[in-house]
Amino acid sequence: MKIQLSIPIVAGALFLSACGGGDATKKDQPTVDVTVDDQTVSDDEDFMLPQPISLAHAFKNAGLTYVSGKTNPISNKDSYSKKIDQLLNLGVYSTDLAYCAINNKTQEARDYLSAVQSLGTKVGLESVFSDKSLIEKFDKNLGNQSALEELIYDIQDKSDAYLQDNDLRYLAAVEFAGAWAEGMYLGIDDTRKNVKGLSVAIVDQMTLLRNTIKGLESHPSQDARLKAVIGMFQDVLTTYEGFETVKKAGKNANFKSPELTTEEFDSLASKIVSLRNGIVSPAQK
């Protein structure tokens, strides 16, 4: 089965037009073909999500402006004791890695690669992330943008294959949730520069958010922390769905993407910032 997914997955390309100079339309957005075995997809497994590292190309296409100090500090990596937090922030750091690499912040990217390795090993992906040669390969390709991107994709491919082979797909959904939240957070300020005309991209983000929530809900161990995280994601979606512009668009037989008002966007942005901060802040033991 081939499933085609839109990947403007980092905030506003992240609402794509926000940083790219011009209004985004659905036909302008990049897509990625994800091929999966028919036997692995069931009715309760319809939350297919793009790879977290796929947003490397979304960053490039969006022209996201790099802002120093906005990513999750490397020093936080040892603060995550709960597996859910480790998985979520593996996704967060994966986004930060892409964000730095695409913006040629090679030393920062190198540090985030190390953080990804550390958390990846903690969540049980030693076979993927314990490869000590990753940093060496990264160093050899400094300045070679294409090679660095290939390395990043290779890491994610190996991670996805391991999770799929070991029937741990729900872990990938948790990781992606962290990647989505960080991407939205990183792009939110650039998005403010062009709120008007972002309707299609915002709708795509909310569709992806619904799939992210489905993925989180597929996790077999619904402990208190995971339920709290799901609640934060749901809060973002509920806020969006409660906007008058969204309600009106939904009632239109000839559906057109809702154009959020500045006030609505500010409200949504506030919820996204709260979501991201709730993820990167370690849960209390």
C-alpha atoms as a PDB file:
ATOM      1  CA  MET A   1       0.000   0.000   0.000  1.00  0.00           C
ATOM      2  CA  LYS A   2       1.313   3.440  -0.881  1.00  0.00           C
ATOM      3  CA  ILE A   3       0.234   6.347   1.267  1.00  0.00           C
ATOM      4  CA  GLN A   4       1.017   9.881   0.154  1.00  0.00           C
ATOM      5  CA  LEU A   5       1.619  12.309   2.972  1.00  0.00           C
ATOM      6  CA  SER A   6       2.052  16.061   2.899  1.00  0.00           C
ATOM      7  CA  ILE A   7       5.144  17.168   4.786  1.00  0.00           C
ATOM      8  CA  PRO A   8       4.974  20.833   5.548  1.00  0.00           C
ATOM      9  CA  ILE A   9       5.354  19.452   9.052  1.00  0.00           C
ATOM     10  CA  VAL A  10       7.428  22.030  10.717  1.00  0.00           C
ATOM     11  CA  ALA A  11       5.471  24.950  11.983  1.00  0.00           C
ATOM     12  CA  GLY A  12       4.049  26.854   9.219  1.00  0.00           C
ATOM     13  CA  ALA A  13       6.168  25.143   6.500  1.00  0.00           C
ATOM     14  CA  LEU A  14       5.973  25.334   8.590  1.00  0.00           C
ATOM     15  CA  PHE A  15       3.173  26.992   7.306  1.00  0.00           C
ATOM     16  CA  LEU A  16       5.284  27.015   4.155  1.00  0.00           C
ATOM     17  CA  SER A  17       4.675  30.521   2.906  1.00  0.00           C
ATOM     18  CA  ALA A  18       5.542  32.161   6.200  1.00  0.00           C
ATOM     19  CA  CYS A  19       9.237  32.135   5.492  1.00  0.00           C
ATOM     20  CA  GLY A  20       9.320  31.391   1.804  1.00  0.00           C
ATOM     21  CA  GLY A  21       7.944  34.692   0.645  1.00  0.00           C
ATOM     22  CA  GLY A  22       4.511  34.180  -0.877  1.00  0.00           C
ATOM     23  CA  ASP A  23       1.249  32.480  -0.141  1.00  0.00           C
ATOM     24  CA  ALA A  24       1.291  28.718   0.127  1.00  0.00           C
ATOM     25  CA  THR A  25      -1.171  26.622  -1.815  1.00  0.00           C
ATOM     26  CA  LYS A  26      -1.792  22.956  -1.489  1.00  0.00           C
ATOM     27  CA  LYS A  27      -0.235  22.168  -4.835  1.00  0.00           C
ATOM     28  CA  ASP A  28       2.942  23.961  -3.770  1.00  0.00           C
ATOM     29  CA  GLN A  29       3.504  21.761  -0.754  1.00  0.00           C
ATOM     30  CA  PRO A  30       6.018  18.917  -0.963  1.00  0.00           C
ATOM     31  CA  THR A  31       4.821  15.367  -0.546  1.00  0.00           C
ATOM     32  CA  VAL A  32       6.500  12.169   0.471  1.00  0.00           C
ATOM     33  CA  ASP A  33       5.516   8.682  -0.582  1.00  0.00           C
ATOM     34  CA  VAL A  34       5.517   6.229   2.279  1.00  0.00           C
ATOM     35  CA  THR A  35       5.311   2.616   1.215  1.00  0.00           C
ATOM     36  CA  VAL A  36       4.094   0.078   3.745  1.00  0.00           C
ATOM     37  CA  ASP A  37       3.026  -3.538   3.592  1.00  0.00           C
ATOM     38  CA  ASP A  38      -0.748  -3.931   3.263  1.00  0.00           C
ATOM     39  CA  GLN A  39      -0.731  -6.374   6.156  1.00  0.00           C
ATOM     40  CA  THR A  40       0.672  -3.781   8.541  1.00  0.00           C
ATOM     41  CA  VAL A  41      -2.203  -1.327   8.130  1.00  0.00           C
ATOM     42  CA  SER A  42      -5.524  -1.915   9.869  1.00  0.00           C
ATOM     43  CA  ASP A  43      -8.589   0.196  10.572  1.00  0.00           C
ATOM     44  CA  ASP A  44      -7.210   1.243  13.960  1.00  0.00           C
ATOM     45  CA  GLU A  45      -3.820   2.010  12.507  1.00  0.00           C
ATOM     46  CA  ASP A  46      -4.802   4.843  10.186  1.00  0.00           C
ATOM     47  CA  PHE A  47      -2.526   7.434  11.674  1.00  0.00           C
ATOM     48  CA  MET A  48       0.377   7.159   9.242  1.00  0.00           C
ATOM     49  CA  LEU A  49       2.943   9.851   9.941  1.00  0.00           C
ATOM     50  CA  PRO A  50       5.976  11.092   8.029  1.00  0.00           C
ATOM     51  CA  GLN A  51       9.428  10.493   9.467  1.00  0.00           C
ATOM     52  CA  PRO A  52      10.555  13.139  11.935  1.00  0.00           C
ATOM     53  CA  ILE A  53      13.726  13.640   9.923  1.00  0.00           C
ATOM     54  CA  SER A  54      11.708  14.209   6.748  1.00  0.00           C
ATOM     55  CA  LEU A  55      11.246  17.724   8.021  1.00  0.00           C
ATOM     56  CA  ALA A  56      14.873  18.415   7.095  1.00  0.00           C
ATOM     57  CA  HIS A  57      13.637  19.102   3.572  1.00  0.00           C
ATOM     58  CA  ALA A  58      10.610  20.998   4.865  1.00  0.00           C
ATOM     59  CA  PHE A  59      13.021  23.302   6.689  1.00  0.00           C
ATOM     60  CA  LYS A  60      14.999  23.857   3.515  1.00  0.00           C
ATOM     61  CA  ASN A  61      11.942  24.519   1.368  1.00  0.00           C
ATOM     62  CA  ALA A  62      10.406  26.842   3.944  1.00  0.00           C
ATOM     63  CA  GLY A  63      13.525  28.948   4.397  1.00  0.00           C
ATOM     64  CA  LEU A  64      12.989  28.952   8.149  1.00  0.00           C
ATOM     65  CA  THR A  65      15.033  31.653   9.866  1.00  0.00           C
ATOM     66  CA  TYR A  66      17.474  30.270  12.417  1.00  0.00           C
ATOM     67  CA  VAL A  67      17.116  31.740  15.913  1.00  0.00           C
ATOM     68  CA  SER A  68      19.931  30.981  18.328  1.00  0.00           C
ATOM     69  CA  GLY A  69      18.900  29.647  21.728  1.00  0.00           C
ATOM     70  CA  LYS A  70      15.402  28.598  20.715  1.00  0.00           C
ATOM     71  CA  THR A  71      16.044  24.847  20.558  1.00  0.00           C
ATOM     72  CA  ASN A  72      15.774  22.530  23.566  1.00  0.00           C
ATOM     73  CA  PRO A  73      19.063  22.817  25.494  1.00  0.00           C
ATOM     74  CA  ILE A  74      21.351  19.798  25.227  1.00  0.00           C
ATOM     75  CA  SER A  75      21.744  19.895  29.006  1.00  0.00           C
ATOM     76  CA  ASN A  76      18.143  18.726  29.401  1.00  0.00           C
ATOM     77  CA  LYS A  77      18.848  15.298  27.897  1.00  0.00           C
ATOM     78  CA  ASP A  78      19.848  13.729  31.214  1.00  0.00           C
ATOM     79  CA  SER A  79      16.773  15.097  32.977  1.00  0.00           C
ATOM     80  CA  TYR A  80      14.312  12.806  31.233  1.00  0.00           C
ATOM     81  CA  SER A  81      13.846   9.758  33.433  1.00  0.00           C
ATOM     82  CA  LYS A  82      10.450   8.603  32.156  1.00  0.00           C
ATOM     83  CA  LYS A  83      10.454   6.657  28.904  1.00  0.00           C
ATOM     84  CA  ILE A  84       7.613   8.759  27.497  1.00  0.00           C
ATOM     85  CA  ASP A  85       9.661  11.918  28.061  1.00  0.00           C
ATOM     86  CA  GLN A  86      12.727  10.270  26.533  1.00  0.00           C
ATOM     87  CA  LEU A  87      10.766   9.325  23.418  1.00  0.00           C
ATOM     88  CA  LEU A  88       9.111  12.722  23.088  1.00  0.00           C
ATOM     89  CA  ASN A  89      12.414  14.533  23.408  1.00  0.00           C
ATOM     90  CA  LEU A  90      14.128  12.130  21.052  1.00  0.00           C
ATOM     91  CA  GLY A  91      11.684  13.630  18.562  1.00  0.00           C
ATOM     92  CA  VAL A  92      12.343  17.143  19.821  1.00  0.00           C
ATOM     93  CA  TYR A  93      16.101  16.716  19.451  1.00  0.00           C
ATOM     94  CA  SER A  94      15.646  15.147  16.018  1.00  0.00           C
ATOM     95  CA  THR A  95      13.896  18.329  14.917  1.00  0.00           C
ATOM     96  CA  ASP A  96      16.595  20.452  16.540  1.00  0.00           C
ATOM     97  CA  LEU A  97      19.249  18.414  14.736  1.00  0.00           C
ATOM     98  CA  ALA A  98      17.570  19.079  11.385  1.00  0.00           C
ATOM     99  CA  TYR A  99      17.018  22.739  12.256  1.00  0.00           C
ATOM    100  CA  CYS A 100      20.718  23.247  12.975  1.00  0.00           C
ATOM    101  CA  ALA A 101      22.002  21.116  10.098  1.00  0.00           C
ATOM    102  CA  ILE A 102      19.883  22.839   7.466  1.00  0.00           C
ATOM    103  CA  ASN A 103      21.043  26.209   8.753  1.00  0.00           C
ATOM    104  CA  ASN A 104      24.724  25.166   8.608  1.00  0.00           C
ATOM    105  CA  LYS A 105      25.141  25.302  12.383  1.00  0.00           C
ATOM    106  CA  THR A 106      27.414  22.287  12.229  1.00  0.00           C
ATOM    107  CA  GLN A 107      28.745  22.300  15.793  1.00  0.00           C
ATOM    108  CA  GLU A 108      25.251  22.650  17.205  1.00  0.00           C
ATOM    109  CA  ALA A 109      24.021  19.897  14.873  1.00  0.00           C
ATOM    110  CA  ARG A 110      26.877  17.668  16.029  1.00  0.00           C
ATOM    111  CA  ASP A 111      25.847  18.233  19.653  1.00  0.00           C
ATOM    112  CA  TYR A 112      22.232  17.398  18.878  1.00  0.00           C
ATOM    113  CA  LEU A 113      23.291  14.242  17.089  1.00  0.00           C
ATOM    114  CA  SER A 114      25.004  13.214  20.311  1.00  0.00           C
ATOM    115  CA  ALA A 115      21.815  13.995  22.263  1.00  0.00           C
ATOM    116  CA  VAL A 116      19.755  11.940  19.803  1.00  0.00           C
ATOM    117  CA  GLN A 117      22.168   9.041  20.259  1.00  0.00           C
ATOM    118  CA  SER A 118      21.927   9.306  24.036  1.00  0.00           C
ATOM    119  CA  LEU A 119      18.135   9.316  24.207  1.00  0.00           C
ATOM    120  CA  GLY A 120      17.823   6.752  21.416  1.00  0.00           C
ATOM    121  CA  THR A 121      19.929   4.335  23.422  1.00  0.00           C
ATOM    122  CA  LYS A 122      17.885   4.979  26.570  1.00  0.00           C
ATOM    123  CA  VAL A 123      14.592   4.104  24.866  1.00  0.00           C
ATOM    124  CA  GLY A 124      15.899   0.748  23.683  1.00  0.00           C
ATOM    125  CA  LEU A 125      17.216   1.563  20.235  1.00  0.00           C
ATOM    126  CA  GLU A 126      20.817   0.661  21.002  1.00  0.00           C
ATOM    127  CA  SER A 127      21.228  -1.200  17.719  1.00  0.00           C
ATOM    128  CA  VAL A 128      20.502   2.050  15.887  1.00  0.00           C
ATOM    129  CA  PHE A 129      22.020   4.722  18.087  1.00  0.00           C
ATOM    130  CA  SER A 130      24.993   3.036  19.744  1.00  0.00           C
ATOM    131  CA  ASP A 131      26.992   3.244  16.510  1.00  0.00           C
ATOM    132  CA  LYS A 132      30.036   5.211  17.652  1.00  0.00           C
ATOM    133  CA  SER A 133      30.986   5.926  14.068  1.00  0.00           C
ATOM    134  CA  LEU A 134      28.005   8.278  13.591  1.00  0.00           C
ATOM    135  CA  ILE A 135      29.863  11.274  15.012  1.00  0.00           C
ATOM    136  CA  GLU A 136      32.912  10.332  12.956  1.00  0.00           C
ATOM    137  CA  LYS A 137      30.792  10.140   9.798  1.00  0.00           C
ATOM    138  CA  PHE A 138      29.220  13.469  10.696  1.00  0.00           C
ATOM    139  CA  ASP A 139      32.614  15.117  11.166  1.00  0.00           C
ATOM    140  CA  LYS A 140      33.861  13.788   7.848  1.00  0.00           C
ATOM    141  CA  ASN A 141      30.961  15.403   6.054  1.00  0.00           C
ATOM    142  CA  LEU A 142      31.029  18.837   7.653  1.00  0.00           C
ATOM    143  CA  GLY A 143      30.328  21.346   4.933  1.00  0.00           C
ATOM    144  CA  ASN A 144      28.725  18.727   2.703  1.00  0.00           C
ATOM    145  CA  GLN A 145      25.022  19.529   3.092  1.00  0.00           C
ATOM    146  CA  SER A 146      23.805  16.652   0.943  1.00  0.00           C
ATOM    147  CA  ALA A 147      25.913  14.080   2.793  1.00  0.00           C
ATOM    148  CA  LEU A 148      24.746  15.329   6.183  1.00  0.00           C
ATOM    149  CA  GLU A 149      21.122  15.052   5.109  1.00  0.00           C
ATOM    150  CA  GLU A 150      21.725  11.515   3.862  1.00  0.00           C
ATOM    151  CA  LEU A 151      23.252  10.611   7.223  1.00  0.00           C
ATOM    152  CA  ILE A 152      20.264  12.019   9.077  1.00  0.00           C
ATOM    153  CA  TYR A 153      17.843  10.092   6.859  1.00  0.00           C
ATOM    154  CA  ASP A 154      19.892   6.919   7.267  1.00  0.00           C
ATOM    155  CA  ILE A 155      19.610   7.143  11.050  1.00  0.00           C
ATOM    156  CA  GLN A 156      15.838   7.566  10.862  1.00  0.00           C
ATOM    157  CA  ASP A 157      15.448   4.757   8.327  1.00  0.00           C
ATOM    158  CA  LYS A 158      17.286   2.370  10.640  1.00  0.00           C
ATOM    159  CA  SER A 159      15.184   3.491  13.592  1.00  0.00           C
ATOM    160  CA  ASP A 160      11.921   3.037  11.668  1.00  0.00           C
ATOM    161  CA  ALA A 161      12.975  -0.400  10.424  1.00  0.00           C
ATOM    162  CA  TYR A 162      13.827  -1.535  13.945  1.00  0.00           C
ATOM    163  CA  LEU A 163      10.512  -0.326  15.380  1.00  0.00           C
ATOM    164  CA  GLN A 164       8.557  -1.896  12.531  1.00  0.00           C
ATOM    165  CA  ASP A 165      10.376  -5.228  12.791  1.00  0.00           C
ATOM    166  CA  ASN A 166       9.802  -5.397  16.534  1.00  0.00           C
ATOM    167  CA  ASP A 167       6.141  -4.335  16.451  1.00  0.00           C
ATOM    168  CA  LEU A 168       6.946  -1.090  18.283  1.00  0.00           C
ATOM    169  CA  ARG A 169       5.364   1.324  15.852  1.00  0.00           C
ATOM    170  CA  TYR A 170       3.555   3.113  18.653  1.00  0.00           C
ATOM    171  CA  LEU A 171       6.933   4.273  19.981  1.00  0.00           C
ATOM    172  CA  ALA A 172       7.623   5.998  16.671  1.00  0.00           C
ATOM    173  CA  ALA A 173       4.298   7.826  17.068  1.00  0.00           C
ATOM    174  CA  VAL A 174       5.405   9.222  20.440  1.00  0.00           C
ATOM    175  CA  GLU A 175       8.753  10.287  18.983  1.00  0.00           C
ATOM    176  CA  PHE A 176       7.002  12.008  16.090  1.00  0.00           C
ATOM    177  CA  ALA A 177       4.709  13.866  18.497  1.00  0.00           C
ATOM    178  CA  GLY A 178       7.765  15.499  20.045  1.00  0.00           C
ATOM    179  CA  ALA A 179       9.173  16.315  16.611  1.00  0.00           C
ATOM    180  CA  TRP A 180       5.897  17.919  15.521  1.00  0.00           C
ATOM    181  CA  ALA A 181       5.605  20.042  18.659  1.00  0.00           C
ATOM    182  CA  GLU A 182       9.183  21.306  18.378  1.00  0.00           C
ATOM    183  CA  GLY A 183       8.803  22.076  14.699  1.00  0.00           C
ATOM    184  CA  MET A 184       5.637  24.076  15.282  1.00  0.00           C
ATOM    185  CA  TYR A 185       7.334  25.943  18.118  1.00  0.00           C
ATOM    186  CA  LEU A 186      10.432  26.786  16.079  1.00  0.00           C
ATOM    187  CA  GLY A 187       8.368  28.153  13.240  1.00  0.00           C
ATOM    188  CA  ILE A 188       5.760  30.080  15.165  1.00  0.00           C
ATOM    189  CA  ASP A 189       7.564  33.441  15.181  1.00  0.00           C
ATOM    190  CA  ASP A 190       8.293  33.329  11.454  1.00  0.00           C
ATOM    191  CA  THR A 191       4.675  32.429  10.856  1.00  0.00           C
ATOM    192  CA  ARG A 192       3.555  35.619  12.587  1.00  0.00           C
ATOM    193  CA  LYS A 193       5.129  37.564   9.715  1.00  0.00           C
ATOM    194  CA  ASN A 194       2.500  36.245   7.323  1.00  0.00           C
ATOM    195  CA  VAL A 195      -0.595  35.027   9.126  1.00  0.00           C
ATOM    196  CA  LYS A 196      -2.868  35.908   6.200  1.00  0.00           C
ATOM    197  CA  GLY A 197      -2.769  33.384   3.406  1.00  0.00           C
ATOM    198  CA  LEU A 198      -1.599  30.473   5.576  1.00  0.00           C
ATOM    199  CA  SER A 199      -4.982  28.779   5.726  1.00  0.00           C
ATOM    200  CA  VAL A 200      -4.220  25.644   3.688  1.00  0.00           C
ATOM    201  CA  ALA A 201      -0.970  24.996   5.536  1.00  0.00           C
ATOM    202  CA  ILE A 202      -2.634  25.436   8.928  1.00  0.00           C
ATOM    203  CA  VAL A 203      -5.377  23.003   7.967  1.00  0.00           C
ATOM    204  CA  ASP A 204      -2.702  20.498   6.921  1.00  0.00           C
ATOM    205  CA  GLN A 205      -1.009  20.941  10.288  1.00  0.00           C
ATOM    206  CA  MET A 206      -4.250  20.238  12.119  1.00  0.00           C
ATOM    207  CA  THR A 207      -4.843  17.126  10.024  1.00  0.00           C
ATOM    208  CA  LEU A 208      -1.386  15.948  10.979  1.00  0.00           C
ATOM    209  CA  LEU A 209      -2.119  16.846  14.604  1.00  0.00           C
ATOM    210  CA  ARG A 210      -5.200  14.604  14.560  1.00  0.00           C
ATOM    211  CA  ASN A 211      -3.043  11.733  13.297  1.00  0.00           C
ATOM    212  CA  THR A 212      -0.454  12.484  15.965  1.00  0.00           C
ATOM    213  CA  ILE A 213      -3.105  12.192  18.663  1.00  0.00           C
ATOM    214  CA  LYS A 214      -4.256   8.868  17.186  1.00  0.00           C
ATOM    215  CA  GLY A 215      -0.679   7.668  17.305  1.00  0.00           C
ATOM    216  CA  LEU A 216      -0.292   8.644  20.959  1.00  0.00           C
ATOM    217  CA  GLU A 217      -3.565   6.957  21.819  1.00  0.00           C
ATOM    218  CA  SER A 218      -2.299   3.734  20.221  1.00  0.00           C
ATOM    219  CA  HIS A 219       0.345   3.360  22.916  1.00  0.00           C
ATOM    220  CA  PRO A 220      -0.563   0.286  25.000  1.00  0.00           C
ATOM    221  CA  SER A 221       0.555   1.828  28.298  1.00  0.00           C
ATOM    222  CA  GLN A 222      -1.630   4.855  28.954  1.00  0.00           C
ATOM    223  CA  ASP A 223       0.056   6.100  32.127  1.00  0.00           C
ATOM    224  CA  ALA A 224      -0.645   9.455  33.775  1.00  0.00           C
ATOM    225  CA  ARG A 225       2.179  11.272  31.970  1.00  0.00           C
ATOM    226  CA  LEU A 226       1.115  10.057  28.534  1.00  0.00           C
ATOM    227  CA  LYS A 227      -2.498  10.975  29.226  1.00  0.00           C
ATOM    228  CA  ALA A 228      -1.352  14.458  30.251  1.00  0.00           C
ATOM    229  CA  VAL A 229       0.644  14.783  27.018  1.00  0.00           C
ATOM    230  CA  ILE A 230      -2.335  13.644  24.928  1.00  0.00           C
ATOM    231  CA  GLY A 231      -4.401  16.239  26.764  1.00  0.00           C
ATOM    232  CA  MET A 232      -1.956  18.990  25.765  1.00  0.00           C
ATOM    233  CA  PHE A 233      -2.092  17.985  22.101  1.00  0.00           C
ATOM    234  CA  GLN A 234      -5.870  17.734  22.262  1.00  0.00           C
ATOM    235  CA  ASP A 235      -6.005  21.218  23.779  1.00  0.00           C
ATOM    236  CA  VAL A 236      -4.268  22.626  20.702  1.00  0.00           C
ATOM    237  CA  LEU A 237      -6.707  20.857  18.385  1.00  0.00           C
ATOM    238  CA  THR A 238      -9.777  21.826  20.434  1.00  0.00           C
ATOM    239  CA  THR A 239      -8.655  25.461  20.427  1.00  0.00           C
ATOM    240  CA  TYR A 240      -8.284  25.416  16.660  1.00  0.00           C
ATOM    241  CA  GLU A 241     -11.606  23.688  16.065  1.00  0.00           C
ATOM    242  CA  GLY A 242     -13.337  26.233  18.318  1.00  0.00           C
ATOM    243  CA  PHE A 243     -12.369  29.229  16.185  1.00  0.00           C
ATOM    244  CA  GLU A 244     -15.294  30.958  14.470  1.00  0.00           C
ATOM    245  CA  THR A 245     -13.452  31.052  11.146  1.00  0.00           C
ATOM    246  CA  VAL A 246     -12.917  27.291  11.342  1.00  0.00           C
ATOM    247  CA  LYS A 247     -16.548  26.619  12.252  1.00  0.00           C
ATOM    248  CA  LYS A 248     -17.790  28.786   9.399  1.00  0.00           C
ATOM    249  CA  ALA A 249     -15.488  27.081   6.916  1.00  0.00           C
ATOM    250  CA  GLY A 250     -16.769  23.692   8.040  1.00  0.00           C
ATOM    251  CA  LYS A 251     -20.348  24.715   7.307  1.00  0.00           C
ATOM    252  CA  ASN A 252     -19.483  25.855   3.799  1.00  0.00           C
ATOM    253  CA  ALA A 253     -20.586  23.292   1.221  1.00  0.00           C
ATOM    254  CA  ASN A 254     -17.848  24.563  -1.086  1.00  0.00           C
ATOM    255  CA  PHE A 255     -15.191  24.164   1.575  1.00  0.00           C
ATOM    256  CA  LYS A 256     -12.450  26.722   1.652  1.00  0.00           C
ATOM    257  CA  SER A 257      -9.626  26.718   4.159  1.00  0.00           C
ATOM    258  CA  PRO A 258     -10.387  29.058   7.041  1.00  0.00           C
ATOM    259  CA  GLU A 259      -8.308  32.218   7.257  1.00  0.00           C
ATOM    260  CA  LEU A 260      -7.471  32.708  10.924  1.00  0.00           C
ATOM    261  CA  THR A 261      -7.728  36.177  12.382  1.00  0.00           C
ATOM    262  CA  THR A 262      -4.684  37.613  14.128  1.00  0.00           C
ATOM    263  CA  GLU A 263      -6.392  37.022  17.473  1.00  0.00           C
ATOM    264  CA  GLU A 264      -7.109  33.390  16.609  1.00  0.00           C
ATOM    265  CA  PHE A 265      -3.555  32.837  15.461  1.00  0.00           C
ATOM    266  CA  ASP A 266      -2.164  34.355  18.664  1.00  0.00           C
ATOM    267  CA  SER A 267      -4.402  32.034  20.684  1.00  0.00           C
ATOM    268  CA  LEU A 268      -3.236  28.998  18.703  1.00  0.00           C
ATOM    269  CA  ALA A 269       0.392  30.084  18.990  1.00  0.00           C
ATOM    270  CA  SER A 270       0.047  30.373  22.756  1.00  0.00           C
ATOM    271  CA  LYS A 271      -1.282  26.814  22.960  1.00  0.00           C
ATOM    272  CA  ILE A 272       1.595  25.534  20.792  1.00  0.00           C
ATOM    273  CA  VAL A 273       4.195  27.226  22.985  1.00  0.00           C
ATOM    274  CA  SER A 274       2.532  25.760  26.076  1.00  0.00           C
ATOM    275  CA  LEU A 275       2.485  22.299  24.467  1.00  0.00           C
ATOM    276  CA  ARG A 276       6.160  22.425  23.530  1.00  0.00           C
ATOM    277  CA  ASN A 277       7.239  23.714  26.938  1.00  0.00           C
ATOM    278  CA  GLY A 278       5.209  20.996  28.593  1.00  0.00           C
ATOM    279  CA  ILE A 279       7.079  18.395  26.574  1.00  0.00           C
ATOM    280  CA  VAL A 280      10.624  19.650  27.102  1.00  0.00           C
ATOM    281  CA  SER A 281      10.081  20.198  30.823  1.00  0.00           C
ATOM    282  CA  PRO A 282      10.873  16.854  32.537  1.00  0.00           C
ATOM    283  CA  ALA A 283       7.917  15.233  34.288  1.00  0.00           C
ATOM    284  CA  GLN A 284       8.165  15.066  38.036  1.00  0.00           C
ATOM    285  CA  LYS A 285       9.208  11.668  39.370  1.00  0.00           C
END
